[in-house]
Amino acid sequence: MAQGQKRPAPGDGHDGDGPLLAGVDLGGTTIATGLISADGRLLAKQMEAVGEDHRPESLAQRIRGLLEEALRQTGRAWCDVQGLGVCTPGLLDLEAGAVTAANLKGWTKVPLVKLLAEELGWETSRVTLEHDTNAALLAEAWVGRAVGLHDIVLLSLGTGIGAAIMCDGRLLRGSRGQAGEVGHAILIPDGREFGRAGVAGIFEGYASASAVVARAKEGMVPSSSLSKLEALDCEAVFQHAEQGDAYAQELVRETARYLAIGCINCCRFVDPAVILFSGGMAEAGPAQNASPHAVPLAVLLWRHARHRIPRFFPGPV
């Protein structure tokens, strides 16, 4: 800290002299970084678009720059940061600390942990890589909606559907680290094809944001206000359902039903105490009962469950 510069007081995004943890969410379009106190409070956050330069070394440098700006914001220094956690979607090799496949151009077998450690001048042991959905569940269990619970399912509703599962207080990873790929579970045998893999009838082919748009286009009726839109997205479907469009309301009802069936399938396999929803669609979609005319998700869960259902939280708090 420069001579004469006043250190921010606690409560102004500052945590006194306590240790800090750094976090990075590296998505396909956005880089989000933050500084966190030892008790889980977010002290500073910096974000920017990924942009066109996807080179791993370049992104590692930009991540360092964002974290340095967060440190300036809190009046702290790198010596206060104990470790860094980085999460990203895609296929990961956690043992190697590498991203094996991602929605970033040229990202195949990228040793992300090694790159970030070298950029920061750290040992690799201070950098931890995790799948973004698993990281979200761990945060919810630490300081969020699932504190004190040990059996949790988190469904991420967006372009696809991802899941993180905690059983008996531990993340369920599987033999290849791919446990939780519920979006690719078969919901309707020989159903509609979805995605580049062309697998028919999968969960995210009916209940994801991109599936809502695809289904809306496939069954579009001229009388729907959706047919007048130049660009159709999932948010528009929910907005028009709220405004009384019958076709949009039917799409919301169907999506809520598919989502309920997927949730019940999760319950059958892992018996969670709670189901959490995250992602863009969770904040405005059927999980929030976007249309007052749609059957509430809770009713659908009861209808299909026949037994006790877990608590569920529609969107991020």
C-alpha atoms as a PDB file:
ATOM      1  CA  MET A   1       0.000   0.000   0.000  1.00  0.00           C
ATOM      2  CA  ALA A   2       1.340   3.447  -0.928  1.00  0.00           C
ATOM      3  CA  GLN A   3       2.630   5.678   1.887  1.00  0.00           C
ATOM      4  CA  GLY A   4      -0.147   7.776   3.382  1.00  0.00           C
ATOM      5  CA  GLN A   5      -2.912   5.702   1.759  1.00  0.00           C
ATOM      6  CA  LYS A   6      -5.669   4.848   4.228  1.00  0.00           C
ATOM      7  CA  ARG A   7      -6.554   1.180   4.510  1.00  0.00           C
ATOM      8  CA  PRO A   8     -10.314   0.644   3.978  1.00  0.00           C
ATOM      9  CA  ALA A   9     -12.329  -0.087   7.096  1.00  0.00           C
ATOM     10  CA  PRO A  10     -14.062  -3.454   7.608  1.00  0.00           C
ATOM     11  CA  GLY A  11     -17.498  -3.388   6.021  1.00  0.00           C
ATOM     12  CA  ASP A  12     -16.226  -1.397   3.015  1.00  0.00           C
ATOM     13  CA  GLY A  13     -15.322  -4.510   1.045  1.00  0.00           C
ATOM     14  CA  HIS A  14     -12.365  -5.123   3.347  1.00  0.00           C
ATOM     15  CA  ASP A  15     -11.588  -7.939   5.756  1.00  0.00           C
ATOM     16  CA  GLY A  16      -9.015  -6.399   8.075  1.00  0.00           C
ATOM     17  CA  ASP A  17      -5.836  -8.438   8.023  1.00  0.00           C
ATOM     18  CA  GLY A  18      -7.450 -11.853   7.676  1.00  0.00           C
ATOM     19  CA  PRO A  19      -6.415 -14.302   4.967  1.00  0.00           C
ATOM     20  CA  LEU A  20      -8.051 -14.057   1.555  1.00  0.00           C
ATOM     21  CA  LEU A  21      -9.083 -16.614  -1.021  1.00  0.00           C
ATOM     22  CA  ALA A  22      -9.282 -15.792  -4.723  1.00  0.00           C
ATOM     23  CA  GLY A  23     -11.885 -17.219  -7.061  1.00  0.00           C
ATOM     24  CA  VAL A  24     -12.186 -17.309 -10.850  1.00  0.00           C
ATOM     25  CA  ASP A  25     -15.169 -18.326 -12.970  1.00  0.00           C
ATOM     26  CA  LEU A  26     -13.924 -18.772 -16.527  1.00  0.00           C
ATOM     27  CA  GLY A  27     -16.910 -19.111 -18.838  1.00  0.00           C
ATOM     28  CA  GLY A  28     -17.308 -19.135 -22.580  1.00  0.00           C
ATOM     29  CA  THR A  29     -18.186 -15.434 -22.710  1.00  0.00           C
ATOM     30  CA  THR A  30     -17.237 -13.925 -19.329  1.00  0.00           C
ATOM     31  CA  ILE A  31     -14.348 -13.979 -16.862  1.00  0.00           C
ATOM     32  CA  ALA A  32     -15.463 -13.312 -13.281  1.00  0.00           C
ATOM     33  CA  THR A  33     -12.982 -12.986 -10.431  1.00  0.00           C
ATOM     34  CA  GLY A  34     -13.422 -12.297  -6.751  1.00  0.00           C
ATOM     35  CA  LEU A  35     -11.734 -12.056  -3.379  1.00  0.00           C
ATOM     36  CA  ILE A  36     -13.331 -13.939  -0.504  1.00  0.00           C
ATOM     37  CA  SER A  37     -12.793 -13.828   3.237  1.00  0.00           C
ATOM     38  CA  ALA A  38     -12.049 -16.977   5.206  1.00  0.00           C
ATOM     39  CA  ASP A  39     -15.692 -17.092   6.317  1.00  0.00           C
ATOM     40  CA  GLY A  40     -17.031 -16.902   2.762  1.00  0.00           C
ATOM     41  CA  ARG A  41     -17.859 -13.207   2.337  1.00  0.00           C
ATOM     42  CA  LEU A  42     -17.342 -11.721  -1.123  1.00  0.00           C
ATOM     43  CA  LEU A  43     -15.130  -8.661  -0.612  1.00  0.00           C
ATOM     44  CA  ALA A  44     -14.477  -7.592  -4.208  1.00  0.00           C
ATOM     45  CA  LYS A  45     -15.496  -8.702  -7.682  1.00  0.00           C
ATOM     46  CA  GLN A  46     -14.181  -7.917 -11.160  1.00  0.00           C
ATOM     47  CA  MET A  47     -15.599  -9.098 -14.484  1.00  0.00           C
ATOM     48  CA  GLU A  48     -14.904  -8.674 -18.179  1.00  0.00           C
ATOM     49  CA  ALA A  49     -15.843 -10.312 -21.471  1.00  0.00           C
ATOM     50  CA  VAL A  50     -13.665 -13.157 -22.709  1.00  0.00           C
ATOM     51  CA  GLY A  51     -13.481 -11.502 -26.122  1.00  0.00           C
ATOM     52  CA  GLU A  52     -11.840 -12.967 -29.202  1.00  0.00           C
ATOM     53  CA  ASP A  53      -8.411 -13.813 -27.777  1.00  0.00           C
ATOM     54  CA  HIS A  54      -8.800 -17.281 -26.284  1.00  0.00           C
ATOM     55  CA  ARG A  55      -5.103 -18.101 -25.964  1.00  0.00           C
ATOM     56  CA  PRO A  56      -4.589 -19.755 -22.562  1.00  0.00           C
ATOM     57  CA  GLU A  57      -1.528 -17.644 -21.706  1.00  0.00           C
ATOM     58  CA  SER A  58      -3.398 -14.447 -22.563  1.00  0.00           C
ATOM     59  CA  LEU A  59      -6.400 -15.395 -20.430  1.00  0.00           C
ATOM     60  CA  ALA A  60      -4.114 -16.283 -17.513  1.00  0.00           C
ATOM     61  CA  GLN A  61      -2.573 -12.802 -17.715  1.00  0.00           C
ATOM     62  CA  ARG A  62      -5.996 -11.159 -17.816  1.00  0.00           C
ATOM     63  CA  ILE A  63      -7.140 -13.188 -14.798  1.00  0.00           C
ATOM     64  CA  ARG A  64      -4.129 -11.922 -12.862  1.00  0.00           C
ATOM     65  CA  GLY A  65      -4.964  -8.362 -13.913  1.00  0.00           C
ATOM     66  CA  LEU A  66      -8.559  -8.668 -12.716  1.00  0.00           C
ATOM     67  CA  LEU A  67      -7.438 -10.074  -9.378  1.00  0.00           C
ATOM     68  CA  GLU A  68      -4.921  -7.272  -8.972  1.00  0.00           C
ATOM     69  CA  GLU A  69      -7.704  -4.752  -9.536  1.00  0.00           C
ATOM     70  CA  ALA A  70      -9.769  -6.532  -6.862  1.00  0.00           C
ATOM     71  CA  LEU A  71      -6.805  -6.329  -4.486  1.00  0.00           C
ATOM     72  CA  ARG A  72      -6.512  -2.594  -5.127  1.00  0.00           C
ATOM     73  CA  GLN A  73     -10.229  -2.271  -4.465  1.00  0.00           C
ATOM     74  CA  THR A  74      -9.812  -3.831  -1.014  1.00  0.00           C
ATOM     75  CA  GLY A  75      -6.432  -2.288  -0.193  1.00  0.00           C
ATOM     76  CA  ARG A  76      -4.810  -5.699   0.116  1.00  0.00           C
ATOM     77  CA  ALA A  77      -1.754  -7.388  -1.431  1.00  0.00           C
ATOM     78  CA  TRP A  78      -0.900 -10.730  -3.001  1.00  0.00           C
ATOM     79  CA  CYS A  79       0.781 -11.838   0.224  1.00  0.00           C
ATOM     80  CA  ASP A  80      -2.700 -11.893   1.810  1.00  0.00           C
ATOM     81  CA  VAL A  81      -4.045 -14.403  -0.737  1.00  0.00           C
ATOM     82  CA  GLN A  82      -3.731 -17.988   0.473  1.00  0.00           C
ATOM     83  CA  GLY A  83      -4.974 -19.784  -2.612  1.00  0.00           C
ATOM     84  CA  LEU A  84      -6.937 -19.618  -5.845  1.00  0.00           C
ATOM     85  CA  GLY A  85      -9.926 -21.661  -6.955  1.00  0.00           C
ATOM     86  CA  VAL A  86     -10.837 -21.637 -10.638  1.00  0.00           C
ATOM     87  CA  CYS A  87     -13.970 -23.160 -12.109  1.00  0.00           C
ATOM     88  CA  THR A  88     -15.016 -23.621 -15.707  1.00  0.00           C
ATOM     89  CA  PRO A  89     -17.520 -25.692 -17.709  1.00  0.00           C
ATOM     90  CA  GLY A  90     -16.432 -28.451 -20.048  1.00  0.00           C
ATOM     91  CA  LEU A  91     -14.438 -31.625 -19.533  1.00  0.00           C
ATOM     92  CA  LEU A  92     -11.738 -31.465 -16.878  1.00  0.00           C
ATOM     93  CA  ASP A  93      -8.873 -33.670 -15.759  1.00  0.00           C
ATOM     94  CA  LEU A  94      -8.799 -32.699 -12.098  1.00  0.00           C
ATOM     95  CA  GLU A  95      -5.768 -34.820 -11.234  1.00  0.00           C
ATOM     96  CA  ALA A  96      -3.725 -33.137 -13.963  1.00  0.00           C
ATOM     97  CA  GLY A  97      -5.271 -29.724 -13.327  1.00  0.00           C
ATOM     98  CA  ALA A  98      -6.159 -29.497 -17.006  1.00  0.00           C
ATOM     99  CA  VAL A  99      -9.104 -28.517 -19.176  1.00  0.00           C
ATOM    100  CA  THR A 100      -9.466 -31.310 -21.721  1.00  0.00           C
ATOM    101  CA  ALA A 101     -12.300 -29.692 -23.694  1.00  0.00           C
ATOM    102  CA  ALA A 102     -14.069 -26.350 -23.321  1.00  0.00           C
ATOM    103  CA  ASN A 103     -16.164 -23.839 -25.243  1.00  0.00           C
ATOM    104  CA  LEU A 104     -13.077 -21.680 -25.745  1.00  0.00           C
ATOM    105  CA  LYS A 105     -11.360 -21.811 -29.122  1.00  0.00           C
ATOM    106  CA  GLY A 106      -8.277 -24.016 -29.118  1.00  0.00           C
ATOM    107  CA  TRP A 107      -8.738 -25.233 -25.557  1.00  0.00           C
ATOM    108  CA  THR A 108      -7.747 -28.893 -25.659  1.00  0.00           C
ATOM    109  CA  LYS A 109      -5.707 -30.378 -22.817  1.00  0.00           C
ATOM    110  CA  VAL A 110      -4.864 -26.937 -21.429  1.00  0.00           C
ATOM    111  CA  PRO A 111      -2.858 -27.196 -18.142  1.00  0.00           C
ATOM    112  CA  LEU A 112      -4.814 -24.371 -16.529  1.00  0.00           C
ATOM    113  CA  VAL A 113      -3.580 -24.933 -12.965  1.00  0.00           C
ATOM    114  CA  LYS A 114       0.055 -24.844 -14.116  1.00  0.00           C
ATOM    115  CA  LEU A 115      -0.518 -21.729 -16.247  1.00  0.00           C
ATOM    116  CA  LEU A 116      -2.160 -19.779 -13.427  1.00  0.00           C
ATOM    117  CA  ALA A 117       0.434 -20.880 -10.866  1.00  0.00           C
ATOM    118  CA  GLU A 118       3.245 -19.746 -13.157  1.00  0.00           C
ATOM    119  CA  GLU A 119       1.500 -16.429 -13.833  1.00  0.00           C
ATOM    120  CA  LEU A 120       1.182 -15.794 -10.092  1.00  0.00           C
ATOM    121  CA  GLY A 121       4.605 -17.177  -9.175  1.00  0.00           C
ATOM    122  CA  TRP A 122       3.015 -19.829  -6.975  1.00  0.00           C
ATOM    123  CA  GLU A 123       3.329 -23.552  -6.407  1.00  0.00           C
ATOM    124  CA  THR A 124       0.603 -25.479  -8.225  1.00  0.00           C
ATOM    125  CA  SER A 125      -0.672 -26.748  -4.858  1.00  0.00           C
ATOM    126  CA  ARG A 126      -2.153 -23.289  -4.210  1.00  0.00           C
ATOM    127  CA  VAL A 127      -4.407 -23.460  -7.288  1.00  0.00           C
ATOM    128  CA  THR A 128      -7.473 -25.720  -7.420  1.00  0.00           C
ATOM    129  CA  LEU A 129      -9.520 -26.536 -10.527  1.00  0.00           C
ATOM    130  CA  GLU A 130     -13.193 -27.511 -10.318  1.00  0.00           C
ATOM    131  CA  HIS A 131     -16.175 -27.881 -12.618  1.00  0.00           C
ATOM    132  CA  ASP A 132     -18.355 -24.780 -12.436  1.00  0.00           C
ATOM    133  CA  THR A 133     -21.491 -26.621 -11.339  1.00  0.00           C
ATOM    134  CA  ASN A 134     -19.634 -28.475  -8.592  1.00  0.00           C
ATOM    135  CA  ALA A 135     -18.143 -25.184  -7.430  1.00  0.00           C
ATOM    136  CA  ALA A 136     -21.625 -23.666  -7.230  1.00  0.00           C
ATOM    137  CA  LEU A 137     -22.858 -26.562  -5.085  1.00  0.00           C
ATOM    138  CA  LEU A 138     -19.858 -26.336  -2.754  1.00  0.00           C
ATOM    139  CA  ALA A 139     -20.516 -22.615  -2.303  1.00  0.00           C
ATOM    140  CA  GLU A 140     -24.183 -23.258  -1.513  1.00  0.00           C
ATOM    141  CA  ALA A 141     -23.202 -25.879   1.074  1.00  0.00           C
ATOM    142  CA  TRP A 142     -20.617 -23.534   2.612  1.00  0.00           C
ATOM    143  CA  VAL A 143     -22.440 -20.204   2.854  1.00  0.00           C
ATOM    144  CA  GLY A 144     -25.603 -20.487   0.755  1.00  0.00           C
ATOM    145  CA  ARG A 145     -28.968 -22.202   0.584  1.00  0.00           C
ATOM    146  CA  ALA A 146     -27.763 -25.654   1.670  1.00  0.00           C
ATOM    147  CA  VAL A 147     -25.734 -24.906   4.800  1.00  0.00           C
ATOM    148  CA  GLY A 148     -25.802 -27.889   7.161  1.00  0.00           C
ATOM    149  CA  LEU A 149     -27.093 -30.329   4.528  1.00  0.00           C
ATOM    150  CA  HIS A 150     -25.178 -33.338   3.251  1.00  0.00           C
ATOM    151  CA  ASP A 151     -27.330 -34.654   0.393  1.00  0.00           C
ATOM    152  CA  ILE A 152     -27.830 -32.025  -2.288  1.00  0.00           C
ATOM    153  CA  VAL A 153     -28.594 -31.794  -6.001  1.00  0.00           C
ATOM    154  CA  LEU A 154     -27.922 -28.583  -7.909  1.00  0.00           C
ATOM    155  CA  LEU A 155     -29.346 -28.271 -11.408  1.00  0.00           C
ATOM    156  CA  SER A 156     -27.860 -25.611 -13.664  1.00  0.00           C
ATOM    157  CA  LEU A 157     -30.470 -24.543 -16.218  1.00  0.00           C
ATOM    158  CA  GLY A 158     -29.015 -22.715 -19.181  1.00  0.00           C
ATOM    159  CA  THR A 159     -28.010 -23.549 -22.733  1.00  0.00           C
ATOM    160  CA  GLY A 160     -27.907 -27.137 -21.498  1.00  0.00           C
ATOM    161  CA  ILE A 161     -28.593 -28.764 -18.140  1.00  0.00           C
ATOM    162  CA  GLY A 162     -25.761 -29.638 -15.816  1.00  0.00           C
ATOM    163  CA  ALA A 163     -25.857 -31.022 -12.316  1.00  0.00           C
ATOM    164  CA  ALA A 164     -23.730 -31.350  -9.232  1.00  0.00           C
ATOM    165  CA  ILE A 165     -24.508 -33.999  -6.644  1.00  0.00           C
ATOM    166  CA  MET A 166     -23.428 -34.266  -3.025  1.00  0.00           C
ATOM    167  CA  CYS A 167     -24.036 -37.530  -1.177  1.00  0.00           C
ATOM    168  CA  ASP A 168     -23.217 -37.957   2.509  1.00  0.00           C
ATOM    169  CA  GLY A 169     -21.295 -34.680   2.475  1.00  0.00           C
ATOM    170  CA  ARG A 170     -19.074 -35.521  -0.491  1.00  0.00           C
ATOM    171  CA  LEU A 171     -19.231 -34.560  -4.143  1.00  0.00           C
ATOM    172  CA  LEU A 172     -20.217 -37.438  -6.371  1.00  0.00           C
ATOM    173  CA  ARG A 173     -17.611 -37.502  -9.148  1.00  0.00           C
ATOM    174  CA  GLY A 174     -17.705 -40.946 -10.744  1.00  0.00           C
ATOM    175  CA  SER A 175     -14.929 -43.060 -12.250  1.00  0.00           C
ATOM    176  CA  ARG A 176     -14.120 -40.481 -14.954  1.00  0.00           C
ATOM    177  CA  GLY A 177     -15.210 -37.359 -13.132  1.00  0.00           C
ATOM    178  CA  GLN A 178     -18.382 -37.104 -15.197  1.00  0.00           C
ATOM    179  CA  ALA A 179     -21.049 -37.870 -12.599  1.00  0.00           C
ATOM    180  CA  GLY A 180     -23.925 -35.416 -12.741  1.00  0.00           C
ATOM    181  CA  GLU A 181     -24.371 -35.322 -16.516  1.00  0.00           C
ATOM    182  CA  VAL A 182     -28.127 -35.532 -16.014  1.00  0.00           C
ATOM    183  CA  GLY A 183     -28.767 -33.308 -19.014  1.00  0.00           C
ATOM    184  CA  HIS A 184     -27.879 -36.276 -21.205  1.00  0.00           C
ATOM    185  CA  ALA A 185     -30.126 -38.720 -19.351  1.00  0.00           C
ATOM    186  CA  ILE A 186     -32.913 -40.102 -21.546  1.00  0.00           C
ATOM    187  CA  LEU A 187     -36.198 -38.435 -20.655  1.00  0.00           C
ATOM    188  CA  ILE A 188     -38.297 -39.627 -23.610  1.00  0.00           C
ATOM    189  CA  PRO A 189     -37.076 -42.696 -25.568  1.00  0.00           C
ATOM    190  CA  ASP A 190     -36.782 -41.971 -29.299  1.00  0.00           C
ATOM    191  CA  GLY A 191     -37.706 -38.355 -28.594  1.00  0.00           C
ATOM    192  CA  ARG A 192     -36.487 -35.203 -30.301  1.00  0.00           C
ATOM    193  CA  GLU A 193     -32.817 -34.941 -31.214  1.00  0.00           C
ATOM    194  CA  PHE A 194     -30.843 -32.188 -29.566  1.00  0.00           C
ATOM    195  CA  GLY A 195     -27.311 -30.836 -29.709  1.00  0.00           C
ATOM    196  CA  ARG A 196     -24.280 -31.745 -31.748  1.00  0.00           C
ATOM    197  CA  ALA A 197     -24.244 -35.314 -30.433  1.00  0.00           C
ATOM    198  CA  GLY A 198     -27.665 -35.912 -31.960  1.00  0.00           C
ATOM    199  CA  VAL A 199     -28.829 -38.068 -29.043  1.00  0.00           C
ATOM    200  CA  ALA A 200     -32.609 -38.439 -29.024  1.00  0.00           C
ATOM    201  CA  GLY A 201     -34.876 -37.766 -26.076  1.00  0.00           C
ATOM    202  CA  ILE A 202     -32.419 -36.338 -23.547  1.00  0.00           C
ATOM    203  CA  PHE A 203     -33.435 -34.180 -20.571  1.00  0.00           C
ATOM    204  CA  GLU A 204     -31.789 -30.975 -21.792  1.00  0.00           C
ATOM    205  CA  GLY A 205     -33.431 -31.483 -25.175  1.00  0.00           C
ATOM    206  CA  TYR A 206     -36.736 -30.611 -23.499  1.00  0.00           C
ATOM    207  CA  ALA A 207     -36.045 -28.505 -20.404  1.00  0.00           C
ATOM    208  CA  SER A 208     -32.994 -26.326 -21.172  1.00  0.00           C
ATOM    209  CA  ALA A 209     -33.169 -22.715 -22.352  1.00  0.00           C
ATOM    210  CA  SER A 210     -32.044 -23.604 -25.864  1.00  0.00           C
ATOM    211  CA  ALA A 211     -34.581 -26.435 -25.998  1.00  0.00           C
ATOM    212  CA  VAL A 212     -37.392 -24.050 -25.049  1.00  0.00           C
ATOM    213  CA  VAL A 213     -36.450 -21.862 -28.017  1.00  0.00           C
ATOM    214  CA  ALA A 214     -36.124 -24.844 -30.362  1.00  0.00           C
ATOM    215  CA  ARG A 215     -39.498 -26.256 -29.313  1.00  0.00           C
ATOM    216  CA  ALA A 216     -41.080 -22.823 -29.681  1.00  0.00           C
ATOM    217  CA  LYS A 217     -39.838 -22.555 -33.261  1.00  0.00           C
ATOM    218  CA  GLU A 218     -40.812 -26.122 -34.156  1.00  0.00           C
ATOM    219  CA  GLY A 219     -44.440 -25.706 -33.096  1.00  0.00           C
ATOM    220  CA  MET A 220     -44.889 -21.992 -33.802  1.00  0.00           C
ATOM    221  CA  VAL A 221     -48.456 -20.896 -34.495  1.00  0.00           C
ATOM    222  CA  PRO A 222     -49.256 -17.686 -36.432  1.00  0.00           C
ATOM    223  CA  SER A 223     -51.603 -16.469 -33.701  1.00  0.00           C
ATOM    224  CA  SER A 224     -48.785 -16.323 -31.124  1.00  0.00           C
ATOM    225  CA  SER A 225     -47.106 -13.001 -30.419  1.00  0.00           C
ATOM    226  CA  LEU A 226     -43.832 -14.936 -30.472  1.00  0.00           C
ATOM    227  CA  SER A 227     -44.192 -15.366 -34.238  1.00  0.00           C
ATOM    228  CA  LYS A 228     -43.801 -11.596 -34.681  1.00  0.00           C
ATOM    229  CA  LEU A 229     -40.360 -11.458 -33.048  1.00  0.00           C
ATOM    230  CA  GLU A 230     -37.270 -11.090 -35.231  1.00  0.00           C
ATOM    231  CA  ALA A 231     -35.116 -12.836 -32.629  1.00  0.00           C
ATOM    232  CA  LEU A 232     -36.556 -15.416 -30.256  1.00  0.00           C
ATOM    233  CA  ASP A 233     -34.893 -16.366 -26.985  1.00  0.00           C
ATOM    234  CA  CYS A 234     -35.928 -18.174 -23.822  1.00  0.00           C
ATOM    235  CA  GLU A 235     -36.526 -14.977 -21.866  1.00  0.00           C
ATOM    236  CA  ALA A 236     -38.991 -13.799 -24.514  1.00  0.00           C
ATOM    237  CA  VAL A 237     -40.999 -17.014 -24.168  1.00  0.00           C
ATOM    238  CA  PHE A 238     -41.408 -16.447 -20.420  1.00  0.00           C
ATOM    239  CA  GLN A 239     -42.198 -12.752 -20.856  1.00  0.00           C
ATOM    240  CA  HIS A 240     -44.909 -13.455 -23.421  1.00  0.00           C
ATOM    241  CA  ALA A 241     -46.334 -16.177 -21.163  1.00  0.00           C
ATOM    242  CA  GLU A 242     -46.655 -13.600 -18.396  1.00  0.00           C
ATOM    243  CA  GLN A 243     -48.388 -11.278 -20.852  1.00  0.00           C
ATOM    244  CA  GLY A 244     -51.017 -13.912 -21.639  1.00  0.00           C
ATOM    245  CA  ASP A 245     -49.828 -15.500 -24.886  1.00  0.00           C
ATOM    246  CA  ALA A 246     -51.511 -18.929 -24.930  1.00  0.00           C
ATOM    247  CA  TYR A 247     -48.790 -20.629 -26.980  1.00  0.00           C
ATOM    248  CA  ALA A 248     -46.021 -19.310 -24.706  1.00  0.00           C
ATOM    249  CA  GLN A 249     -47.997 -20.415 -21.645  1.00  0.00           C
ATOM    250  CA  GLU A 250     -48.279 -23.927 -23.043  1.00  0.00           C
ATOM    251  CA  LEU A 251     -44.513 -24.007 -23.638  1.00  0.00           C
ATOM    252  CA  VAL A 252     -43.922 -22.960 -20.019  1.00  0.00           C
ATOM    253  CA  ARG A 253     -46.321 -25.639 -18.737  1.00  0.00           C
ATOM    254  CA  GLU A 254     -44.604 -28.330 -20.805  1.00  0.00           C
ATOM    255  CA  THR A 255     -41.149 -27.189 -19.712  1.00  0.00           C
ATOM    256  CA  ALA A 256     -42.172 -27.211 -16.049  1.00  0.00           C
ATOM    257  CA  ARG A 257     -43.490 -30.755 -16.472  1.00  0.00           C
ATOM    258  CA  TYR A 258     -40.262 -31.969 -18.108  1.00  0.00           C
ATOM    259  CA  LEU A 259     -38.246 -30.277 -15.386  1.00  0.00           C
ATOM    260  CA  ALA A 260     -40.359 -31.910 -12.685  1.00  0.00           C
ATOM    261  CA  ILE A 261     -39.838 -35.366 -14.201  1.00  0.00           C
ATOM    262  CA  GLY A 262     -36.082 -34.763 -14.364  1.00  0.00           C
ATOM    263  CA  CYS A 263     -36.075 -33.691 -10.713  1.00  0.00           C
ATOM    264  CA  ILE A 264     -37.973 -36.790  -9.648  1.00  0.00           C
ATOM    265  CA  ASN A 265     -35.493 -38.975 -11.533  1.00  0.00           C
ATOM    266  CA  CYS A 266     -32.703 -37.296  -9.547  1.00  0.00           C
ATOM    267  CA  CYS A 267     -34.613 -38.013  -6.340  1.00  0.00           C
ATOM    268  CA  ARG A 268     -34.940 -41.677  -7.224  1.00  0.00           C
ATOM    269  CA  PHE A 269     -31.190 -42.020  -7.689  1.00  0.00           C
ATOM    270  CA  VAL A 270     -29.696 -39.988  -4.843  1.00  0.00           C
ATOM    271  CA  ASP A 271     -32.516 -39.052  -2.403  1.00  0.00           C
ATOM    272  CA  PRO A 272     -31.433 -35.429  -1.826  1.00  0.00           C
ATOM    273  CA  ALA A 273     -32.634 -33.284   1.052  1.00  0.00           C
ATOM    274  CA  VAL A 274     -32.787 -30.300  -1.282  1.00  0.00           C
ATOM    275  CA  ILE A 275     -32.747 -29.488  -4.996  1.00  0.00           C
ATOM    276  CA  LEU A 276     -31.190 -26.168  -5.950  1.00  0.00           C
ATOM    277  CA  PHE A 277     -31.575 -24.426  -9.295  1.00  0.00           C
ATOM    278  CA  SER A 278     -29.022 -22.075 -10.811  1.00  0.00           C
ATOM    279  CA  GLY A 279     -28.344 -20.547 -14.202  1.00  0.00           C
ATOM    280  CA  GLY A 280     -30.108 -17.945 -16.279  1.00  0.00           C
ATOM    281  CA  MET A 281     -33.286 -19.928 -16.881  1.00  0.00           C
ATOM    282  CA  ALA A 282     -33.684 -20.666 -13.178  1.00  0.00           C
ATOM    283  CA  GLU A 283     -34.104 -16.964 -12.479  1.00  0.00           C
ATOM    284  CA  ALA A 284     -36.945 -16.408 -14.942  1.00  0.00           C
ATOM    285  CA  GLY A 285     -38.198 -19.786 -16.097  1.00  0.00           C
ATOM    286  CA  PRO A 286     -40.627 -22.475 -14.994  1.00  0.00           C
ATOM    287  CA  ALA A 287     -38.682 -22.995 -11.791  1.00  0.00           C
ATOM    288  CA  GLN A 288     -39.944 -19.545 -10.801  1.00  0.00           C
ATOM    289  CA  ASN A 289     -43.418 -20.248 -12.236  1.00  0.00           C
ATOM    290  CA  ALA A 290     -42.912 -17.496 -14.826  1.00  0.00           C
ATOM    291  CA  SER A 291     -46.531 -17.566 -15.932  1.00  0.00           C
ATOM    292  CA  PRO A 292     -49.353 -17.373 -13.394  1.00  0.00           C
ATOM    293  CA  HIS A 293     -51.221 -19.752 -15.700  1.00  0.00           C
ATOM    294  CA  ALA A 294     -48.496 -22.418 -15.560  1.00  0.00           C
ATOM    295  CA  VAL A 295     -48.879 -25.326 -13.166  1.00  0.00           C
ATOM    296  CA  PRO A 296     -46.484 -24.579 -10.267  1.00  0.00           C
ATOM    297  CA  LEU A 297     -43.405 -26.768 -10.254  1.00  0.00           C
ATOM    298  CA  ALA A 298     -44.112 -27.933  -6.701  1.00  0.00           C
ATOM    299  CA  VAL A 299     -47.492 -29.333  -7.779  1.00  0.00           C
ATOM    300  CA  LEU A 300     -45.858 -31.210 -10.639  1.00  0.00           C
ATOM    301  CA  LEU A 301     -43.201 -32.602  -8.318  1.00  0.00           C
ATOM    302  CA  TRP A 302     -45.866 -33.919  -5.949  1.00  0.00           C
ATOM    303  CA  ARG A 303     -47.847 -35.372  -8.839  1.00  0.00           C
ATOM    304  CA  HIS A 304     -44.906 -37.402 -10.114  1.00  0.00           C
ATOM    305  CA  ALA A 305     -43.196 -38.163  -6.809  1.00  0.00           C
ATOM    306  CA  ARG A 306     -45.885 -40.180  -4.955  1.00  0.00           C
ATOM    307  CA  HIS A 307     -43.586 -39.970  -1.936  1.00  0.00           C
ATOM    308  CA  ARG A 308     -41.916 -37.194   0.041  1.00  0.00           C
ATOM    309  CA  ILE A 309     -40.213 -34.642  -2.167  1.00  0.00           C
ATOM    310  CA  PRO A 310     -37.142 -32.671  -1.107  1.00  0.00           C
ATOM    311  CA  ARG A 311     -37.152 -28.965  -0.494  1.00  0.00           C
ATOM    312  CA  PHE A 312     -36.344 -27.031  -3.618  1.00  0.00           C
ATOM    313  CA  PHE A 313     -35.130 -23.500  -4.225  1.00  0.00           C
ATOM    314  CA  PRO A 314     -36.013 -22.127  -7.667  1.00  0.00           C
ATOM    315  CA  GLY A 315     -33.325 -19.505  -8.182  1.00  0.00           C
ATOM    316  CA  PRO A 316     -30.212 -18.034  -6.629  1.00  0.00           C
ATOM    317  CA  VAL A 317     -30.671 -16.044  -3.429  1.00  0.00           C
END
